[in-house]
Amino acid sequence: MMAKTVAIALAVVAAATAGRAQDGIMAPGAEMTKLASDFRFTEGPAADAKGDIYFTDIPNNRILKWSIEAGQLSTFREDSGG
């Protein structure tokens, strides 16, 4: 009975949020711009309180930082254990 209740609850949540998953993440009319390249495999984007974006380039063993204020990319940490 408990498993059936959980399954129904998950189905209701999935149905309620399905339409939202279709919404775009960009503002209407916005255009995408390539800011940097030369990465091999990136993942894990995260933002800090200032809006700077950090992400990993695992095969190159580094963590990168996109500075929102400076508008440029820098290496935050090398030998990141990746």
PDB file of N, CA and C in Angstrom:
ATOM      1  N   MET A   1       0.830  -1.198   0.000  1.00  0.00           N
ATOM      2  CA  MET A   1       0.000   0.000   0.000  1.00  0.00           C
ATOM      3  C   MET A   1       0.873   1.259   0.000  1.00  0.00           C
ATOM      4  N   MET A   2       1.941   1.249   0.820  1.00  0.00           N
ATOM      5  CA  MET A   2       2.831   2.411   0.896  1.00  0.00           C
ATOM      6  C   MET A   2       3.509   2.661  -0.454  1.00  0.00           C
ATOM      7  N   ALA A   3       3.945   1.590  -1.129  1.00  0.00           N
ATOM      8  CA  ALA A   3       4.600   1.732  -2.431  1.00  0.00           C
ATOM      9  C   ALA A   3       3.643   2.333  -3.455  1.00  0.00           C
ATOM     10  N   LYS A   4       2.376   1.925  -3.399  1.00  0.00           N
ATOM     11  CA  LYS A   4       1.374   2.444  -4.331  1.00  0.00           C
ATOM     12  C   LYS A   4       1.130   3.929  -4.080  1.00  0.00           C
ATOM     13  N   THR A   5       1.096   4.338  -2.820  1.00  0.00           N
ATOM     14  CA  THR A   5       0.901   5.741  -2.459  1.00  0.00           C
ATOM     15  C   THR A   5       2.072   6.584  -2.956  1.00  0.00           C
ATOM     16  N   VAL A   6       3.276   6.086  -2.758  1.00  0.00           N
ATOM     17  CA  VAL A   6       4.467   6.812  -3.218  1.00  0.00           C
ATOM     18  C   VAL A   6       4.462   6.922  -4.736  1.00  0.00           C
ATOM     19  N   ALA A   7       4.107   5.847  -5.425  1.00  0.00           N
ATOM     20  CA  ALA A   7       4.059   5.863  -6.888  1.00  0.00           C
ATOM     21  C   ALA A   7       3.044   6.874  -7.391  1.00  0.00           C
ATOM     22  N   ILE A   8       1.895   6.940  -6.769  1.00  0.00           N
ATOM     23  CA  ILE A   8       0.864   7.904  -7.162  1.00  0.00           C
ATOM     24  C   ILE A   8       1.343   9.330  -6.906  1.00  0.00           C
ATOM     25  N   ALA A   9       1.972   9.557  -5.765  1.00  0.00           N
ATOM     26  CA  ALA A   9       2.483  10.889  -5.432  1.00  0.00           C
ATOM     27  C   ALA A   9       3.536  11.323  -6.450  1.00  0.00           C
ATOM     28  N   LEU A  10       4.424  10.424  -6.834  1.00  0.00           N
ATOM     29  CA  LEU A  10       5.447  10.752  -7.827  1.00  0.00           C
ATOM     30  C   LEU A  10       4.824  11.052  -9.189  1.00  0.00           C
ATOM     31  N   ALA A  11       3.807  10.301  -9.546  1.00  0.00           N
ATOM     32  CA  ALA A  11       3.120  10.533 -10.820  1.00  0.00           C
ATOM     33  C   ALA A  11       2.448  11.902 -10.838  1.00  0.00           C
ATOM     34  N   VAL A  12       1.840  12.290  -9.723  1.00  0.00           N
ATOM     35  CA  VAL A  12       1.183  13.596  -9.636  1.00  0.00           C
ATOM     36  C   VAL A  12       2.216  14.712  -9.753  1.00  0.00           C
ATOM     37  N   VAL A  13       3.324  14.592  -9.065  1.00  0.00           N
ATOM     38  CA  VAL A  13       4.382  15.609  -9.130  1.00  0.00           C
ATOM     39  C   VAL A  13       4.943  15.700 -10.547  1.00  0.00           C
ATOM     40  N   ALA A  14       5.203  14.550 -11.167  1.00  0.00           N
ATOM     41  CA  ALA A  14       5.730  14.538 -12.535  1.00  0.00           C
ATOM     42  C   ALA A  14       4.761  15.207 -13.503  1.00  0.00           C
ATOM     43  N   ALA A  15       3.487  14.912 -13.366  1.00  0.00           N
ATOM     44  CA  ALA A  15       2.485  15.505 -14.250  1.00  0.00           C
ATOM     45  C   ALA A  15       2.375  17.012 -14.038  1.00  0.00           C
ATOM     46  N   ALA A  16       2.471  17.445 -12.793  1.00  0.00           N
ATOM     47  CA  ALA A  16       2.338  18.866 -12.480  1.00  0.00           C
ATOM     48  C   ALA A  16       3.523  19.679 -12.989  1.00  0.00           C
ATOM     49  N   THR A  17       4.694  19.075 -13.056  1.00  0.00           N
ATOM     50  CA  THR A  17       5.892  19.804 -13.476  1.00  0.00           C
ATOM     51  C   THR A  17       6.265  19.555 -14.929  1.00  0.00           C
ATOM     52  N   ALA A  18       5.581  18.680 -15.618  1.00  0.00           N
ATOM     53  CA  ALA A  18       5.933  18.334 -16.999  1.00  0.00           C
ATOM     54  C   ALA A  18       5.880  19.551 -17.916  1.00  0.00           C
ATOM     55  N   GLY A  19       4.894  20.385 -17.778  1.00  0.00           N
ATOM     56  CA  GLY A  19       4.789  21.568 -18.615  1.00  0.00           C
ATOM     57  C   GLY A  19       5.907  22.557 -18.370  1.00  0.00           C
ATOM     58  N   ARG A  20       6.362  22.648 -17.165  1.00  0.00           N
ATOM     59  CA  ARG A  20       7.441  23.572 -16.828  1.00  0.00           C
ATOM     60  C   ARG A  20       8.765  23.133 -17.436  1.00  0.00           C
ATOM     61  N   ALA A  21       8.944  21.860 -17.593  1.00  0.00           N
ATOM     62  CA  ALA A  21      10.182  21.352 -18.171  1.00  0.00           C
ATOM     63  C   ALA A  21      10.332  21.803 -19.618  1.00  0.00           C
ATOM     64  N   GLN A  22       9.234  22.153 -20.261  1.00  0.00           N
ATOM     65  CA  GLN A  22       9.269  22.578 -21.653  1.00  0.00           C
ATOM     66  C   GLN A  22       9.632  24.053 -21.796  1.00  0.00           C
ATOM     67  N   ASP A  23       9.558  24.827 -20.728  1.00  0.00           N
ATOM     68  CA  ASP A  23       9.885  26.243 -20.799  1.00  0.00           C
ATOM     69  C   ASP A  23      11.373  26.422 -21.092  1.00  0.00           C
ATOM     70  N   GLY A  24      11.709  27.423 -21.882  1.00  0.00           N
ATOM     71  CA  GLY A  24      13.101  27.696 -22.200  1.00  0.00           C
ATOM     72  C   GLY A  24      13.831  28.321 -21.027  1.00  0.00           C
ATOM     73  N   ILE A  25      15.138  28.228 -21.064  1.00  0.00           N
ATOM     74  CA  ILE A  25      15.942  28.825 -20.002  1.00  0.00           C
ATOM     75  C   ILE A  25      16.480  30.190 -20.420  1.00  0.00           C
ATOM     76  N   MET A  26      16.209  30.570 -21.657  1.00  0.00           N
ATOM     77  CA  MET A  26      16.654  31.864 -22.161  1.00  0.00           C
ATOM     78  C   MET A  26      15.452  32.788 -22.324  1.00  0.00           C
ATOM     79  N   ALA A  27      15.702  34.057 -22.185  1.00  0.00           N
ATOM     80  CA  ALA A  27      14.641  35.037 -22.374  1.00  0.00           C
ATOM     81  C   ALA A  27      14.219  35.055 -23.837  1.00  0.00           C
ATOM     82  N   PRO A  28      12.960  35.305 -24.102  1.00  0.00           N
ATOM     83  CA  PRO A  28      12.514  35.384 -25.491  1.00  0.00           C
ATOM     84  C   PRO A  28      13.325  36.428 -26.261  1.00  0.00           C
ATOM     85  N   GLY A  29      13.806  36.068 -27.433  1.00  0.00           N
ATOM     86  CA  GLY A  29      14.591  36.988 -28.257  1.00  0.00           C
ATOM     87  C   GLY A  29      16.078  37.003 -27.947  1.00  0.00           C
ATOM     88  N   ALA A  30      16.489  36.338 -26.860  1.00  0.00           N
ATOM     89  CA  ALA A  30      17.913  36.306 -26.514  1.00  0.00           C
ATOM     90  C   ALA A  30      18.656  35.416 -27.499  1.00  0.00           C
ATOM     91  N   GLU A  31      19.930  35.736 -27.723  1.00  0.00           N
ATOM     92  CA  GLU A  31      20.754  34.941 -28.620  1.00  0.00           C
ATOM     93  C   GLU A  31      21.910  34.317 -27.852  1.00  0.00           C
ATOM     94  N   MET A  32      22.286  33.121 -28.246  1.00  0.00           N
ATOM     95  CA  MET A  32      23.379  32.423 -27.599  1.00  0.00           C
ATOM     96  C   MET A  32      24.706  32.863 -28.228  1.00  0.00           C
ATOM     97  N   THR A  33      25.724  33.097 -27.391  1.00  0.00           N
ATOM     98  CA  THR A  33      27.041  33.501 -27.849  1.00  0.00           C
ATOM     99  C   THR A  33      28.081  32.565 -27.268  1.00  0.00           C
ATOM    100  N   LYS A  34      28.971  32.072 -28.110  1.00  0.00           N
ATOM    101  CA  LYS A  34      30.047  31.198 -27.646  1.00  0.00           C
ATOM    102  C   LYS A  34      31.109  32.077 -26.984  1.00  0.00           C
ATOM    103  N   LEU A  35      31.377  31.812 -25.708  1.00  0.00           N
ATOM    104  CA  LEU A  35      32.307  32.642 -24.946  1.00  0.00           C
ATOM    105  C   LEU A  35      33.716  32.069 -24.890  1.00  0.00           C
ATOM    106  N   ALA A  36      33.843  30.755 -25.008  1.00  0.00           N
ATOM    107  CA  ALA A  36      35.158  30.118 -24.916  1.00  0.00           C
ATOM    108  C   ALA A  36      35.081  28.736 -25.546  1.00  0.00           C
ATOM    109  N   SER A  37      36.249  28.153 -25.820  1.00  0.00           N
ATOM    110  CA  SER A  37      36.297  26.810 -26.390  1.00  0.00           C
ATOM    111  C   SER A  37      37.580  26.119 -25.928  1.00  0.00           C
ATOM    112  N   ASP A  38      37.979  25.083 -26.628  1.00  0.00           N
ATOM    113  CA  ASP A  38      39.179  24.296 -26.307  1.00  0.00           C
ATOM    114  C   ASP A  38      39.027  23.463 -25.041  1.00  0.00           C
ATOM    115  N   PHE A  39      37.809  23.028 -24.778  1.00  0.00           N
ATOM    116  CA  PHE A  39      37.569  22.128 -23.659  1.00  0.00           C
ATOM    117  C   PHE A  39      37.419  20.716 -24.209  1.00  0.00           C
ATOM    118  N   ARG A  40      37.735  19.721 -23.390  1.00  0.00           N
ATOM    119  CA  ARG A  40      37.581  18.347 -23.834  1.00  0.00           C
ATOM    120  C   ARG A  40      36.285  17.740 -23.334  1.00  0.00           C
ATOM    121  N   PHE A  41      35.941  17.947 -22.060  1.00  0.00           N
ATOM    122  CA  PHE A  41      34.698  17.424 -21.490  1.00  0.00           C
ATOM    123  C   PHE A  41      34.388  18.255 -20.257  1.00  0.00           C
ATOM    124  N   THR A  42      33.344  19.057 -20.334  1.00  0.00           N
ATOM    125  CA  THR A  42      32.998  19.933 -19.216  1.00  0.00           C
ATOM    126  C   THR A  42      31.728  19.455 -18.537  1.00  0.00           C
ATOM    127  N   GLU A  43      31.625  19.749 -17.249  1.00  0.00           N
ATOM    128  CA  GLU A  43      30.398  19.461 -16.501  1.00  0.00           C
ATOM    129  C   GLU A  43      30.436  20.213 -15.179  1.00  0.00           C
ATOM    130  N   GLY A  44      29.329  20.146 -14.470  1.00  0.00           N
ATOM    131  CA  GLY A  44      29.247  20.677 -13.115  1.00  0.00           C
ATOM    132  C   GLY A  44      29.204  22.178 -13.002  1.00  0.00           C
ATOM    133  N   PRO A  45      28.487  22.899 -13.882  1.00  0.00           N
ATOM    134  CA  PRO A  45      28.447  24.345 -13.696  1.00  0.00           C
ATOM    135  C   PRO A  45      27.781  24.719 -12.375  1.00  0.00           C
ATOM    136  N   ALA A  46      28.390  25.680 -11.712  1.00  0.00           N
ATOM    137  CA  ALA A  46      27.848  26.187 -10.448  1.00  0.00           C
ATOM    138  C   ALA A  46      28.150  27.677 -10.366  1.00  0.00           C
ATOM    139  N   ALA A  47      27.253  28.432  -9.770  1.00  0.00           N
ATOM    140  CA  ALA A  47      27.432  29.872  -9.646  1.00  0.00           C
ATOM    141  C   ALA A  47      27.646  30.261  -8.192  1.00  0.00           C
ATOM    142  N   ASP A  48      28.452  31.296  -7.989  1.00  0.00           N
ATOM    143  CA  ASP A  48      28.619  31.817  -6.636  1.00  0.00           C
ATOM    144  C   ASP A  48      27.678  33.008  -6.437  1.00  0.00           C
ATOM    145  N   ALA A  49      27.765  33.651  -5.286  1.00  0.00           N
ATOM    146  CA  ALA A  49      26.845  34.742  -4.945  1.00  0.00           C
ATOM    147  C   ALA A  49      26.991  35.941  -5.886  1.00  0.00           C
ATOM    148  N   LYS A  50      28.182  36.135  -6.467  1.00  0.00           N
ATOM    149  CA  LYS A  50      28.404  37.253  -7.392  1.00  0.00           C
ATOM    150  C   LYS A  50      27.912  36.954  -8.796  1.00  0.00           C
ATOM    151  N   GLY A  51      27.623  35.683  -9.068  1.00  0.00           N
ATOM    152  CA  GLY A  51      27.175  35.298 -10.397  1.00  0.00           C
ATOM    153  C   GLY A  51      28.268  34.684 -11.251  1.00  0.00           C
ATOM    154  N   ASP A  52      29.493  34.563 -10.700  1.00  0.00           N
ATOM    155  CA  ASP A  52      30.568  33.913 -11.436  1.00  0.00           C
ATOM    156  C   ASP A  52      30.230  32.431 -11.592  1.00  0.00           C
ATOM    157  N   ILE A  53      30.609  31.850 -12.722  1.00  0.00           N
ATOM    158  CA  ILE A  53      30.299  30.460 -13.034  1.00  0.00           C
ATOM    159  C   ILE A  53      31.579  29.630 -12.963  1.00  0.00           C
ATOM    160  N   TYR A  54      31.512  28.513 -12.249  1.00  0.00           N
ATOM    161  CA  TYR A  54      32.628  27.568 -12.139  1.00  0.00           C
ATOM    162  C   TYR A  54      32.217  26.269 -12.817  1.00  0.00           C
ATOM    163  N   PHE A  55      33.144  25.654 -13.549  1.00  0.00           N
ATOM    164  CA  PHE A  55      32.871  24.359 -14.158  1.00  0.00           C
ATOM    165  C   PHE A  55      34.179  23.600 -14.336  1.00  0.00           C
ATOM    166  N   THR A  56      34.055  22.300 -14.492  1.00  0.00           N
ATOM    167  CA  THR A  56      35.245  21.460 -14.621  1.00  0.00           C
ATOM    168  C   THR A  56      35.490  21.085 -16.081  1.00  0.00           C
ATOM    169  N   ASP A  57      36.761  20.910 -16.392  1.00  0.00           N
ATOM    170  CA  ASP A  57      37.207  20.310 -17.659  1.00  0.00           C
ATOM    171  C   ASP A  57      38.018  19.094 -17.219  1.00  0.00           C
ATOM    172  N   ILE A  58      37.328  17.984 -17.038  1.00  0.00           N
ATOM    173  CA  ILE A  58      37.898  16.813 -16.378  1.00  0.00           C
ATOM    174  C   ILE A  58      39.149  16.267 -17.065  1.00  0.00           C
ATOM    175  N   PRO A  59      39.138  16.005 -18.378  1.00  0.00           N
ATOM    176  CA  PRO A  59      40.349  15.448 -18.985  1.00  0.00           C
ATOM    177  C   PRO A  59      41.557  16.384 -18.901  1.00  0.00           C
ATOM    178  N   ASN A  60      41.313  17.673 -18.849  1.00  0.00           N
ATOM    179  CA  ASN A  60      42.408  18.634 -18.723  1.00  0.00           C
ATOM    180  C   ASN A  60      42.736  18.942 -17.262  1.00  0.00           C
ATOM    181  N   ASN A  61      42.044  18.270 -16.337  1.00  0.00           N
ATOM    182  CA  ASN A  61      42.358  18.324 -14.908  1.00  0.00           C
ATOM    183  C   ASN A  61      42.347  19.749 -14.348  1.00  0.00           C
ATOM    184  N   ARG A  62      41.270  20.470 -14.624  1.00  0.00           N
ATOM    185  CA  ARG A  62      41.203  21.849 -14.133  1.00  0.00           C
ATOM    186  C   ARG A  62      39.767  22.286 -13.864  1.00  0.00           C
ATOM    187  N   ILE A  63      39.670  23.297 -13.025  1.00  0.00           N
ATOM    188  CA  ILE A  63      38.402  23.966 -12.743  1.00  0.00           C
ATOM    189  C   ILE A  63      38.532  25.374 -13.303  1.00  0.00           C
ATOM    190  N   LEU A  64      37.537  25.786 -14.062  1.00  0.00           N
ATOM    191  CA  LEU A  64      37.571  27.097 -14.691  1.00  0.00           C
ATOM    192  C   LEU A  64      36.528  28.015 -14.076  1.00  0.00           C
ATOM    193  N   LYS A  65      36.759  29.307 -14.230  1.00  0.00           N
ATOM    194  CA  LYS A  65      35.847  30.304 -13.666  1.00  0.00           C
ATOM    195  C   LYS A  65      35.558  31.353 -14.736  1.00  0.00           C
ATOM    196  N   TRP A  66      34.261  31.567 -14.988  1.00  0.00           N
ATOM    197  CA  TRP A  66      33.853  32.665 -15.856  1.00  0.00           C
ATOM    198  C   TRP A  66      33.450  33.813 -14.949  1.00  0.00           C
ATOM    199  N   SER A  67      34.210  34.926 -15.026  1.00  0.00           N
ATOM    200  CA  SER A  67      33.928  36.105 -14.206  1.00  0.00           C
ATOM    201  C   SER A  67      32.861  36.942 -14.881  1.00  0.00           C
ATOM    202  N   ILE A  68      31.752  37.110 -14.222  1.00  0.00           N
ATOM    203  CA  ILE A  68      30.652  37.909 -14.761  1.00  0.00           C
ATOM    204  C   ILE A  68      31.055  39.381 -14.836  1.00  0.00           C
ATOM    205  N   GLU A  69      31.841  39.843 -13.861  1.00  0.00           N
ATOM    206  CA  GLU A  69      32.258  41.248 -13.819  1.00  0.00           C
ATOM    207  C   GLU A  69      33.296  41.559 -14.895  1.00  0.00           C
ATOM    208  N   ALA A  70      34.316  40.704 -15.003  1.00  0.00           N
ATOM    209  CA  ALA A  70      35.392  40.947 -15.978  1.00  0.00           C
ATOM    210  C   ALA A  70      35.017  40.473 -17.376  1.00  0.00           C
ATOM    211  N   GLY A  71      34.049  39.564 -17.461  1.00  0.00           N
ATOM    212  CA  GLY A  71      33.662  39.026 -18.759  1.00  0.00           C
ATOM    213  C   GLY A  71      34.742  38.172 -19.390  1.00  0.00           C
ATOM    214  N   GLN A  72      35.468  37.439 -18.536  1.00  0.00           N
ATOM    215  CA  GLN A  72      36.533  36.596 -19.078  1.00  0.00           C
ATOM    216  C   GLN A  72      36.665  35.287 -18.302  1.00  0.00           C
ATOM    217  N   LEU A  73      37.316  34.350 -18.943  1.00  0.00           N
ATOM    218  CA  LEU A  73      37.529  33.023 -18.387  1.00  0.00           C
ATOM    219  C   LEU A  73      38.932  32.923 -17.814  1.00  0.00           C
ATOM    220  N   SER A  74      39.044  32.272 -16.668  1.00  0.00           N
ATOM    221  CA  SER A  74      40.360  32.023 -16.082  1.00  0.00           C
ATOM    222  C   SER A  74      40.374  30.629 -15.466  1.00  0.00           C
ATOM    223  N   THR A  75      41.577  30.125 -15.228  1.00  0.00           N
ATOM    224  CA  THR A  75      41.715  28.836 -14.563  1.00  0.00           C
ATOM    225  C   THR A  75      41.644  29.088 -13.060  1.00  0.00           C
ATOM    226  N   PHE A  76      40.649  28.509 -12.424  1.00  0.00           N
ATOM    227  CA  PHE A  76      40.475  28.658 -10.987  1.00  0.00           C
ATOM    228  C   PHE A  76      41.424  27.728 -10.242  1.00  0.00           C
ATOM    229  N   ARG A  77      41.570  26.486 -10.760  1.00  0.00           N
ATOM    230  CA  ARG A  77      42.467  25.525 -10.120  1.00  0.00           C
ATOM    231  C   ARG A  77      42.941  24.498 -11.139  1.00  0.00           C
ATOM    232  N   GLU A  78      44.246  24.234 -11.131  1.00  0.00           N
ATOM    233  CA  GLU A  78      44.809  23.163 -11.937  1.00  0.00           C
ATOM    234  C   GLU A  78      45.071  21.975 -11.024  1.00  0.00           C
ATOM    235  N   ASP A  79      45.326  20.819 -11.627  1.00  0.00           N
ATOM    236  CA  ASP A  79      45.507  19.585 -10.849  1.00  0.00           C
ATOM    237  C   ASP A  79      44.325  19.392  -9.903  1.00  0.00           C
ATOM    238  N   SER A  80      43.137  19.434 -10.475  1.00  0.00           N
ATOM    239  CA  SER A  80      41.909  19.402  -9.686  1.00  0.00           C
ATOM    240  C   SER A  80      41.514  18.009  -9.216  1.00  0.00           C
ATOM    241  N   GLY A  81      42.324  17.023  -9.532  1.00  0.00           N
ATOM    242  CA  GLY A  81      42.010  15.670  -9.101  1.00  0.00           C
ATOM    243  C   GLY A  81      41.052  14.973 -10.047  1.00  0.00           C
ATOM    244  N   GLY A  82      40.826  15.567 -11.211  1.00  0.00           N
ATOM    245  CA  GLY A  82      39.876  15.018 -12.168  1.00  0.00           C
ATOM    246  C   GLY A  82      40.462  13.972 -13.017  1.00  0.00           C
TER     247      GLY A  82
END
